[in-house]
Amino acid sequence: MKNATKHALLRSMPGHRFNFRCHKEISCFTKCCADLKLVLTPYDILRMKNRLGISSDQFLDRYTEIRMDQNPRFPMVTLKMNRDENRACPFVTPAGCALYEDRPGACRIYPLGRAALRVEREKDTREKFFVVDEDHCLGFQEEREWAVAEWMTSEGMDEYNAMNDQWLEVITSSKSLGQEKEIPRKIQMFSMASYNLDKFRLFVFESRFFDVFEVPSDLRDRLASDDVALLNYAMDWLKFSLFGENTITLKNR
């Protein structure tokens, strides 16, 4: 979720409806694209690095920072702001976002916020929406009215939430990571599978992975070329490797 600044008011929406419109002619255009503590999800990173045509390593080195204060157990990746006076997003331009079609989920959903919770053995994610009412934003004065569901669909959030909620299940889990001596290795595995999909693919295809784990041939083909399929598999791998869940099948030996 986009960082709520000290000038932001989080407010509820009567009837799940709100007024908002952002456009180039509005005087506050792109002011929200600065001084952010924007946590990037694995799907955000995948979309952004593919849009830029660079590797996971290159994206992480150039555009992100590792934060240890955003989650009680796992390192989070945040978008690195420019070192100018306004700490602008590196992808913002006078015409708007240079990565607009592949912008992060927190930017897509703005000006809404979504509080989400995955509960074990519940199929659907529990969620609650609110408006992030920043004092510089004039978009709330526009006449365009939205229902929450309409806004989410228009901004392509259904796909992002479906991908991100799998990761949410991992980072909010209360399950033990096992013995203390195992935790550093598991944190490394978490970082690779979450943030560096290129390295995770090498791990799967250039190790003894297929000798140890049962992976159908059609799935193996998808993992080789389909980044979304690989990221979905990475989430199953994390549940297996971190918490011992039965999401990956061992071969009979």
C-alpha atoms as a PDB file:
ATOM      1  CA  MET A   1       0.000   0.000   0.000  1.00  0.00           C
ATOM      2  CA  LYS A   2       1.206   3.507  -0.757  1.00  0.00           C
ATOM      3  CA  ASN A   3       2.577   5.262   2.283  1.00  0.00           C
ATOM      4  CA  ALA A   4       0.009   7.502   3.964  1.00  0.00           C
ATOM      5  CA  THR A   5       1.723  10.801   4.722  1.00  0.00           C
ATOM      6  CA  LYS A   6       1.037  13.003   7.733  1.00  0.00           C
ATOM      7  CA  HIS A   7      -1.181  15.103   5.459  1.00  0.00           C
ATOM      8  CA  ALA A   8      -3.438  12.195   4.505  1.00  0.00           C
ATOM      9  CA  LEU A   9      -6.793  11.319   5.991  1.00  0.00           C
ATOM     10  CA  LEU A  10      -8.004   7.733   5.766  1.00  0.00           C
ATOM     11  CA  ARG A  11     -11.761   7.881   5.531  1.00  0.00           C
ATOM     12  CA  SER A  12     -14.570   5.428   4.958  1.00  0.00           C
ATOM     13  CA  MET A  13     -16.959   5.574   2.002  1.00  0.00           C
ATOM     14  CA  PRO A  14     -20.709   5.668   2.591  1.00  0.00           C
ATOM     15  CA  GLY A  15     -22.266   3.220   0.172  1.00  0.00           C
ATOM     16  CA  HIS A  16     -18.799   2.256  -1.103  1.00  0.00           C
ATOM     17  CA  ARG A  17     -18.896   5.210  -3.499  1.00  0.00           C
ATOM     18  CA  PHE A  18     -16.524   8.157  -3.955  1.00  0.00           C
ATOM     19  CA  ASN A  19     -15.834  11.037  -6.324  1.00  0.00           C
ATOM     20  CA  PHE A  20     -12.490  11.152  -8.091  1.00  0.00           C
ATOM     21  CA  ARG A  21     -10.848  11.975 -11.400  1.00  0.00           C
ATOM     22  CA  CYS A  22      -7.162  12.493 -12.179  1.00  0.00           C
ATOM     23  CA  HIS A  23      -6.082  14.109 -15.444  1.00  0.00           C
ATOM     24  CA  LYS A  24      -3.252  16.200 -16.913  1.00  0.00           C
ATOM     25  CA  GLU A  25      -5.191  19.456 -16.664  1.00  0.00           C
ATOM     26  CA  ILE A  26      -5.609  19.268 -12.890  1.00  0.00           C
ATOM     27  CA  SER A  27      -3.061  21.426 -11.026  1.00  0.00           C
ATOM     28  CA  CYS A  28      -1.995  18.668  -8.619  1.00  0.00           C
ATOM     29  CA  PHE A  29      -1.173  16.214 -11.435  1.00  0.00           C
ATOM     30  CA  THR A  30       1.708  13.852 -10.397  1.00  0.00           C
ATOM     31  CA  LYS A  31       2.133  15.463  -6.932  1.00  0.00           C
ATOM     32  CA  CYS A  32       1.195  12.113  -5.409  1.00  0.00           C
ATOM     33  CA  CYS A  33       4.165  10.514  -7.245  1.00  0.00           C
ATOM     34  CA  ALA A  34       6.829  11.683  -4.785  1.00  0.00           C
ATOM     35  CA  ASP A  35       8.232  11.031  -1.310  1.00  0.00           C
ATOM     36  CA  LEU A  36       6.746   7.537  -1.143  1.00  0.00           C
ATOM     37  CA  LYS A  37       7.551   4.494   0.952  1.00  0.00           C
ATOM     38  CA  LEU A  38       6.092   2.243  -1.691  1.00  0.00           C
ATOM     39  CA  VAL A  39       6.411  -1.470  -0.913  1.00  0.00           C
ATOM     40  CA  LEU A  40       6.661  -3.456  -4.143  1.00  0.00           C
ATOM     41  CA  THR A  41       5.073  -6.882  -4.394  1.00  0.00           C
ATOM     42  CA  PRO A  42       6.578  -9.719  -6.446  1.00  0.00           C
ATOM     43  CA  TYR A  43       3.985  -9.115  -9.167  1.00  0.00           C
ATOM     44  CA  ASP A  44       4.800  -5.385  -9.206  1.00  0.00           C
ATOM     45  CA  ILE A  45       8.471  -6.185  -9.754  1.00  0.00           C
ATOM     46  CA  LEU A  46       7.697  -8.719 -12.467  1.00  0.00           C
ATOM     47  CA  ARG A  47       5.527  -6.280 -14.423  1.00  0.00           C
ATOM     48  CA  MET A  48       7.917  -3.353 -14.030  1.00  0.00           C
ATOM     49  CA  LYS A  49      11.157  -5.139 -14.905  1.00  0.00           C
ATOM     50  CA  ASN A  50       9.556  -6.796 -17.928  1.00  0.00           C
ATOM     51  CA  ARG A  51       8.199  -3.437 -19.087  1.00  0.00           C
ATOM     52  CA  LEU A  52      11.710  -1.972 -18.817  1.00  0.00           C
ATOM     53  CA  GLY A  53      13.225  -4.993 -20.551  1.00  0.00           C
ATOM     54  CA  ILE A  54      15.822  -5.581 -17.847  1.00  0.00           C
ATOM     55  CA  SER A  55      16.728  -8.456 -15.551  1.00  0.00           C
ATOM     56  CA  SER A  56      15.523  -8.860 -11.986  1.00  0.00           C
ATOM     57  CA  ASP A  57      19.040  -8.083 -10.735  1.00  0.00           C
ATOM     58  CA  GLN A  58      19.217  -4.873 -12.759  1.00  0.00           C
ATOM     59  CA  PHE A  59      15.799  -3.710 -11.588  1.00  0.00           C
ATOM     60  CA  LEU A  60      16.513  -4.419  -7.942  1.00  0.00           C
ATOM     61  CA  ASP A  61      19.932  -2.712  -8.068  1.00  0.00           C
ATOM     62  CA  ARG A  62      18.749   0.422  -9.882  1.00  0.00           C
ATOM     63  CA  TYR A  63      15.292   1.081  -8.525  1.00  0.00           C
ATOM     64  CA  THR A  64      14.788  -0.486  -5.112  1.00  0.00           C
ATOM     65  CA  GLU A  65      15.867  -0.505  -1.501  1.00  0.00           C
ATOM     66  CA  ILE A  66      15.614  -3.297   1.073  1.00  0.00           C
ATOM     67  CA  ARG A  67      13.685  -2.396   4.213  1.00  0.00           C
ATOM     68  CA  MET A  68      13.650  -4.494   7.383  1.00  0.00           C
ATOM     69  CA  ASP A  69      11.126  -2.327   9.227  1.00  0.00           C
ATOM     70  CA  GLN A  70       8.055  -2.997   7.058  1.00  0.00           C
ATOM     71  CA  ASN A  71       7.381  -6.587   8.153  1.00  0.00           C
ATOM     72  CA  PRO A  72       8.156  -8.377  11.434  1.00  0.00           C
ATOM     73  CA  ARG A  73       9.913 -11.336   9.754  1.00  0.00           C
ATOM     74  CA  PHE A  74      10.677 -10.739   6.097  1.00  0.00           C
ATOM     75  CA  PRO A  75      12.633  -8.092   4.156  1.00  0.00           C
ATOM     76  CA  MET A  76      10.459  -5.837   2.025  1.00  0.00           C
ATOM     77  CA  VAL A  77      11.495  -4.122  -1.209  1.00  0.00           C
ATOM     78  CA  THR A  78      10.556  -0.460  -1.642  1.00  0.00           C
ATOM     79  CA  LEU A  79      10.792   1.754  -4.715  1.00  0.00           C
ATOM     80  CA  LYS A  80      13.819   4.044  -4.533  1.00  0.00           C
ATOM     81  CA  MET A  81      12.899   7.705  -4.931  1.00  0.00           C
ATOM     82  CA  ASN A  82      15.061  10.193  -6.834  1.00  0.00           C
ATOM     83  CA  ARG A  83      17.497  12.280  -4.805  1.00  0.00           C
ATOM     84  CA  ASP A  84      15.933  15.572  -5.792  1.00  0.00           C
ATOM     85  CA  GLU A  85      14.192  18.068  -3.533  1.00  0.00           C
ATOM     86  CA  ASN A  86      10.787  16.442  -3.940  1.00  0.00           C
ATOM     87  CA  ARG A  87      12.039  12.832  -3.845  1.00  0.00           C
ATOM     88  CA  ALA A  88      10.092  12.139  -7.023  1.00  0.00           C
ATOM     89  CA  CYS A  89       9.359   8.657  -8.299  1.00  0.00           C
ATOM     90  CA  PRO A  90      11.998   7.663 -10.894  1.00  0.00           C
ATOM     91  CA  PHE A  91       9.260   6.880 -13.416  1.00  0.00           C
ATOM     92  CA  VAL A  92       7.200  10.038 -13.187  1.00  0.00           C
ATOM     93  CA  THR A  93       7.296  12.499 -16.113  1.00  0.00           C
ATOM     94  CA  PRO A  94       5.427  15.745 -16.841  1.00  0.00           C
ATOM     95  CA  ALA A  95       3.049  13.630 -18.944  1.00  0.00           C
ATOM     96  CA  GLY A  96       2.461  11.137 -16.140  1.00  0.00           C
ATOM     97  CA  CYS A  97       3.810   7.679 -15.323  1.00  0.00           C
ATOM     98  CA  ALA A  98       6.268   6.244 -17.843  1.00  0.00           C
ATOM     99  CA  LEU A  99       5.208   2.722 -16.790  1.00  0.00           C
ATOM    100  CA  TYR A 100       1.499   3.484 -16.538  1.00  0.00           C
ATOM    101  CA  GLU A 101       0.198   0.193 -17.980  1.00  0.00           C
ATOM    102  CA  ASP A 102       2.502  -1.724 -15.612  1.00  0.00           C
ATOM    103  CA  ARG A 103       2.539   0.605 -12.606  1.00  0.00           C
ATOM    104  CA  PRO A 104       2.516  -0.942  -9.106  1.00  0.00           C
ATOM    105  CA  GLY A 105      -0.716  -2.084  -7.547  1.00  0.00           C
ATOM    106  CA  ALA A 106      -0.579   0.600  -4.844  1.00  0.00           C
ATOM    107  CA  CYS A 107      -0.474   3.263  -7.565  1.00  0.00           C
ATOM    108  CA  ARG A 108      -3.250   1.623  -9.567  1.00  0.00           C
ATOM    109  CA  ILE A 109      -5.677   1.484  -6.674  1.00  0.00           C
ATOM    110  CA  TYR A 110      -5.016   5.103  -5.548  1.00  0.00           C
ATOM    111  CA  PRO A 111      -6.892   7.035  -4.165  1.00  0.00           C
ATOM    112  CA  LEU A 112      -8.253   3.942  -2.471  1.00  0.00           C
ATOM    113  CA  GLY A 113      -6.512   1.819   0.113  1.00  0.00           C
ATOM    114  CA  ARG A 114      -7.214  -1.855   0.670  1.00  0.00           C
ATOM    115  CA  ALA A 115      -6.735  -3.650   3.955  1.00  0.00           C
ATOM    116  CA  ALA A 116      -6.561  -7.370   3.208  1.00  0.00           C
ATOM    117  CA  LEU A 117      -6.240 -10.466   5.365  1.00  0.00           C
ATOM    118  CA  ARG A 118      -5.847 -14.108   4.365  1.00  0.00           C
ATOM    119  CA  VAL A 119      -7.220 -16.502   6.963  1.00  0.00           C
ATOM    120  CA  GLU A 120      -6.178 -20.146   6.902  1.00  0.00           C
ATOM    121  CA  ARG A 121      -8.820 -22.491   5.458  1.00  0.00           C
ATOM    122  CA  GLU A 122     -10.849 -19.551   4.123  1.00  0.00           C
ATOM    123  CA  LYS A 123     -11.039 -19.445   0.338  1.00  0.00           C
ATOM    124  CA  ASP A 124     -11.594 -15.703  -0.089  1.00  0.00           C
ATOM    125  CA  THR A 125      -9.489 -12.817   1.155  1.00  0.00           C
ATOM    126  CA  ARG A 126     -11.071 -10.599   3.760  1.00  0.00           C
ATOM    127  CA  GLU A 127     -10.848  -7.009   2.568  1.00  0.00           C
ATOM    128  CA  LYS A 128     -11.881  -3.501   3.522  1.00  0.00           C
ATOM    129  CA  PHE A 129     -11.565  -0.342   1.420  1.00  0.00           C
ATOM    130  CA  PHE A 130     -11.030   3.264   2.416  1.00  0.00           C
ATOM    131  CA  VAL A 131     -10.150   6.567   0.735  1.00  0.00           C
ATOM    132  CA  VAL A 132      -6.627   8.000   1.086  1.00  0.00           C
ATOM    133  CA  ASP A 133      -7.583  11.681   1.165  1.00  0.00           C
ATOM    134  CA  GLU A 134      -4.318  13.631   0.739  1.00  0.00           C
ATOM    135  CA  ASP A 135      -4.624  17.370   1.225  1.00  0.00           C
ATOM    136  CA  HIS A 136      -2.884  18.245  -2.067  1.00  0.00           C
ATOM    137  CA  CYS A 137      -5.233  16.118  -4.187  1.00  0.00           C
ATOM    138  CA  LEU A 138      -7.922  18.012  -6.098  1.00  0.00           C
ATOM    139  CA  GLY A 139      -9.244  14.905  -7.800  1.00  0.00           C
ATOM    140  CA  PHE A 140     -11.872  14.473  -5.081  1.00  0.00           C
ATOM    141  CA  GLN A 141     -13.493  17.718  -6.220  1.00  0.00           C
ATOM    142  CA  GLU A 142     -14.233  16.263  -9.661  1.00  0.00           C
ATOM    143  CA  GLU A 143     -17.786  15.186 -10.492  1.00  0.00           C
ATOM    144  CA  ARG A 144     -16.975  11.641 -11.620  1.00  0.00           C
ATOM    145  CA  GLU A 145     -18.478   9.176  -9.138  1.00  0.00           C
ATOM    146  CA  TRP A 146     -17.267   5.621  -8.738  1.00  0.00           C
ATOM    147  CA  ALA A 147     -18.391   2.472  -6.961  1.00  0.00           C
ATOM    148  CA  VAL A 148     -15.462   0.615  -5.417  1.00  0.00           C
ATOM    149  CA  ALA A 149     -16.007  -2.468  -7.602  1.00  0.00           C
ATOM    150  CA  GLU A 150     -16.181  -0.285 -10.724  1.00  0.00           C
ATOM    151  CA  TRP A 151     -12.919   1.479  -9.831  1.00  0.00           C
ATOM    152  CA  MET A 152     -11.119  -1.786  -9.121  1.00  0.00           C
ATOM    153  CA  THR A 153     -12.110  -3.202 -12.481  1.00  0.00           C
ATOM    154  CA  SER A 154     -11.224  -0.028 -14.390  1.00  0.00           C
ATOM    155  CA  GLU A 155      -7.722   0.002 -12.877  1.00  0.00           C
ATOM    156  CA  GLY A 156      -7.024  -3.682 -13.494  1.00  0.00           C
ATOM    157  CA  MET A 157      -6.857  -4.492  -9.795  1.00  0.00           C
ATOM    158  CA  ASP A 158      -8.530  -7.896  -9.996  1.00  0.00           C
ATOM    159  CA  GLU A 159      -5.440  -9.425 -11.603  1.00  0.00           C
ATOM    160  CA  TYR A 160      -3.063  -7.664  -9.195  1.00  0.00           C
ATOM    161  CA  ASN A 161      -5.035  -8.712  -6.123  1.00  0.00           C
ATOM    162  CA  ALA A 162      -5.230 -12.319  -7.283  1.00  0.00           C
ATOM    163  CA  MET A 163      -1.445 -12.416  -7.603  1.00  0.00           C
ATOM    164  CA  ASN A 164      -0.626 -10.336  -4.543  1.00  0.00           C
ATOM    165  CA  ASP A 165      -2.952 -12.150  -2.164  1.00  0.00           C
ATOM    166  CA  GLN A 166      -0.900 -15.321  -2.555  1.00  0.00           C
ATOM    167  CA  TRP A 167       2.145 -13.427  -1.300  1.00  0.00           C
ATOM    168  CA  LEU A 168       0.057 -11.800   1.422  1.00  0.00           C
ATOM    169  CA  GLU A 169      -0.687 -15.284   2.702  1.00  0.00           C
ATOM    170  CA  VAL A 170       3.061 -15.893   3.037  1.00  0.00           C
ATOM    171  CA  ILE A 171       4.130 -12.633   4.676  1.00  0.00           C
ATOM    172  CA  THR A 172       1.261 -12.573   7.178  1.00  0.00           C
ATOM    173  CA  SER A 173       1.502 -16.235   8.167  1.00  0.00           C
ATOM    174  CA  SER A 174       1.946 -16.957  11.863  1.00  0.00           C
ATOM    175  CA  LYS A 175       3.477 -20.371  11.153  1.00  0.00           C
ATOM    176  CA  SER A 176       6.929 -21.096  12.512  1.00  0.00           C
ATOM    177  CA  LEU A 177       9.987 -20.786  10.294  1.00  0.00           C
ATOM    178  CA  GLY A 178      11.542 -23.699  12.133  1.00  0.00           C
ATOM    179  CA  GLN A 179      14.805 -23.837  14.037  1.00  0.00           C
ATOM    180  CA  GLU A 180      16.694 -20.588  14.461  1.00  0.00           C
ATOM    181  CA  LYS A 181      19.712 -21.904  12.563  1.00  0.00           C
ATOM    182  CA  GLU A 182      17.500 -22.462   9.500  1.00  0.00           C
ATOM    183  CA  ILE A 183      16.014 -18.974   9.403  1.00  0.00           C
ATOM    184  CA  PRO A 184      18.829 -17.114   7.524  1.00  0.00           C
ATOM    185  CA  ARG A 185      18.666 -19.673   4.691  1.00  0.00           C
ATOM    186  CA  LYS A 186      14.878 -19.413   4.589  1.00  0.00           C
ATOM    187  CA  ILE A 187      15.019 -15.618   4.447  1.00  0.00           C
ATOM    188  CA  GLN A 188      17.391 -15.897   1.466  1.00  0.00           C
ATOM    189  CA  MET A 189      14.944 -18.274  -0.195  1.00  0.00           C
ATOM    190  CA  PHE A 190      12.091 -15.867   0.512  1.00  0.00           C
ATOM    191  CA  SER A 191      13.975 -12.968  -1.092  1.00  0.00           C
ATOM    192  CA  MET A 192      14.900 -14.942  -4.202  1.00  0.00           C
ATOM    193  CA  ALA A 193      11.456 -16.440  -4.823  1.00  0.00           C
ATOM    194  CA  SER A 194       9.665 -13.159  -4.055  1.00  0.00           C
ATOM    195  CA  TYR A 195      11.835 -10.580  -5.766  1.00  0.00           C
ATOM    196  CA  ASN A 196      14.286 -12.205  -8.169  1.00  0.00           C
ATOM    197  CA  LEU A 197      12.298 -14.394 -10.525  1.00  0.00           C
ATOM    198  CA  ASP A 198      15.254 -14.798 -12.885  1.00  0.00           C
ATOM    199  CA  LYS A 199      17.321 -16.409 -10.124  1.00  0.00           C
ATOM    200  CA  PHE A 200      14.376 -18.528  -9.016  1.00  0.00           C
ATOM    201  CA  ARG A 201      14.061 -19.896 -12.568  1.00  0.00           C
ATOM    202  CA  LEU A 202      17.773 -20.786 -12.545  1.00  0.00           C
ATOM    203  CA  PHE A 203      17.306 -22.447  -9.166  1.00  0.00           C
ATOM    204  CA  VAL A 204      14.490 -24.593 -10.550  1.00  0.00           C
ATOM    205  CA  PHE A 205      16.095 -25.495 -13.871  1.00  0.00           C
ATOM    206  CA  GLU A 206      19.818 -25.628 -13.067  1.00  0.00           C
ATOM    207  CA  SER A 207      19.721 -27.569  -9.805  1.00  0.00           C
ATOM    208  CA  ARG A 208      18.490 -31.083  -8.985  1.00  0.00           C
ATOM    209  CA  PHE A 209      15.015 -29.661  -8.446  1.00  0.00           C
ATOM    210  CA  PHE A 210      13.248 -31.958 -10.925  1.00  0.00           C
ATOM    211  CA  ASP A 211      15.054 -34.981  -9.464  1.00  0.00           C
ATOM    212  CA  VAL A 212      13.606 -34.230  -6.041  1.00  0.00           C
ATOM    213  CA  PHE A 213      10.167 -32.777  -6.782  1.00  0.00           C
ATOM    214  CA  GLU A 214       7.290 -34.045  -8.893  1.00  0.00           C
ATOM    215  CA  VAL A 215       6.617 -31.467 -11.619  1.00  0.00           C
ATOM    216  CA  PRO A 216       4.373 -32.497 -14.556  1.00  0.00           C
ATOM    217  CA  SER A 217       5.936 -31.944 -17.971  1.00  0.00           C
ATOM    218  CA  ASP A 218       3.300 -29.413 -19.051  1.00  0.00           C
ATOM    219  CA  LEU A 219       3.921 -27.352 -15.923  1.00  0.00           C
ATOM    220  CA  ARG A 220       7.668 -27.615 -16.447  1.00  0.00           C
ATOM    221  CA  ASP A 221       7.234 -26.149 -19.935  1.00  0.00           C
ATOM    222  CA  ARG A 222       5.188 -23.242 -18.552  1.00  0.00           C
ATOM    223  CA  LEU A 223       7.755 -22.543 -15.837  1.00  0.00           C
ATOM    224  CA  ALA A 224      10.431 -22.233 -18.512  1.00  0.00           C
ATOM    225  CA  SER A 225       8.691 -19.467 -20.450  1.00  0.00           C
ATOM    226  CA  ASP A 226       5.692 -18.094 -18.543  1.00  0.00           C
ATOM    227  CA  ASP A 227       6.676 -15.623 -15.811  1.00  0.00           C
ATOM    228  CA  VAL A 228       3.218 -15.565 -14.233  1.00  0.00           C
ATOM    229  CA  ALA A 229       3.153 -19.354 -13.980  1.00  0.00           C
ATOM    230  CA  LEU A 230       6.638 -19.254 -12.458  1.00  0.00           C
ATOM    231  CA  LEU A 231       5.602 -16.633  -9.900  1.00  0.00           C
ATOM    232  CA  ASN A 232       2.543 -18.677  -8.926  1.00  0.00           C
ATOM    233  CA  TYR A 233       4.808 -21.687  -8.475  1.00  0.00           C
ATOM    234  CA  ALA A 234       7.245 -19.584  -6.434  1.00  0.00           C
ATOM    235  CA  MET A 235       4.453 -18.823  -3.966  1.00  0.00           C
ATOM    236  CA  ASP A 236       3.724 -22.547  -3.598  1.00  0.00           C
ATOM    237  CA  TRP A 237       7.443 -23.148  -3.140  1.00  0.00           C
ATOM    238  CA  LEU A 238       7.622 -20.556  -0.365  1.00  0.00           C
ATOM    239  CA  LYS A 239       4.749 -22.154   1.527  1.00  0.00           C
ATOM    240  CA  PHE A 240       6.551 -25.486   1.236  1.00  0.00           C
ATOM    241  CA  SER A 241      10.093 -24.358   1.994  1.00  0.00           C
ATOM    242  CA  LEU A 242       9.268 -21.849   4.742  1.00  0.00           C
ATOM    243  CA  PHE A 243       6.404 -23.529   6.562  1.00  0.00           C
ATOM    244  CA  GLY A 244       6.402 -27.147   5.403  1.00  0.00           C
ATOM    245  CA  GLU A 245       2.987 -26.938   3.720  1.00  0.00           C
ATOM    246  CA  ASN A 246       2.036 -29.639   1.219  1.00  0.00           C
ATOM    247  CA  THR A 247       2.055 -27.336  -1.780  1.00  0.00           C
ATOM    248  CA  ILE A 248       4.944 -29.080  -3.594  1.00  0.00           C
ATOM    249  CA  THR A 249       5.087 -32.862  -4.128  1.00  0.00           C
ATOM    250  CA  LEU A 250       8.245 -34.832  -3.358  1.00  0.00           C
ATOM    251  CA  LYS A 251       9.092 -37.725  -5.667  1.00  0.00           C
ATOM    252  CA  ASN A 252       8.848 -41.210  -4.236  1.00  0.00           C
ATOM    253  CA  ARG A 253      12.410 -42.301  -3.579  1.00  0.00           C
END
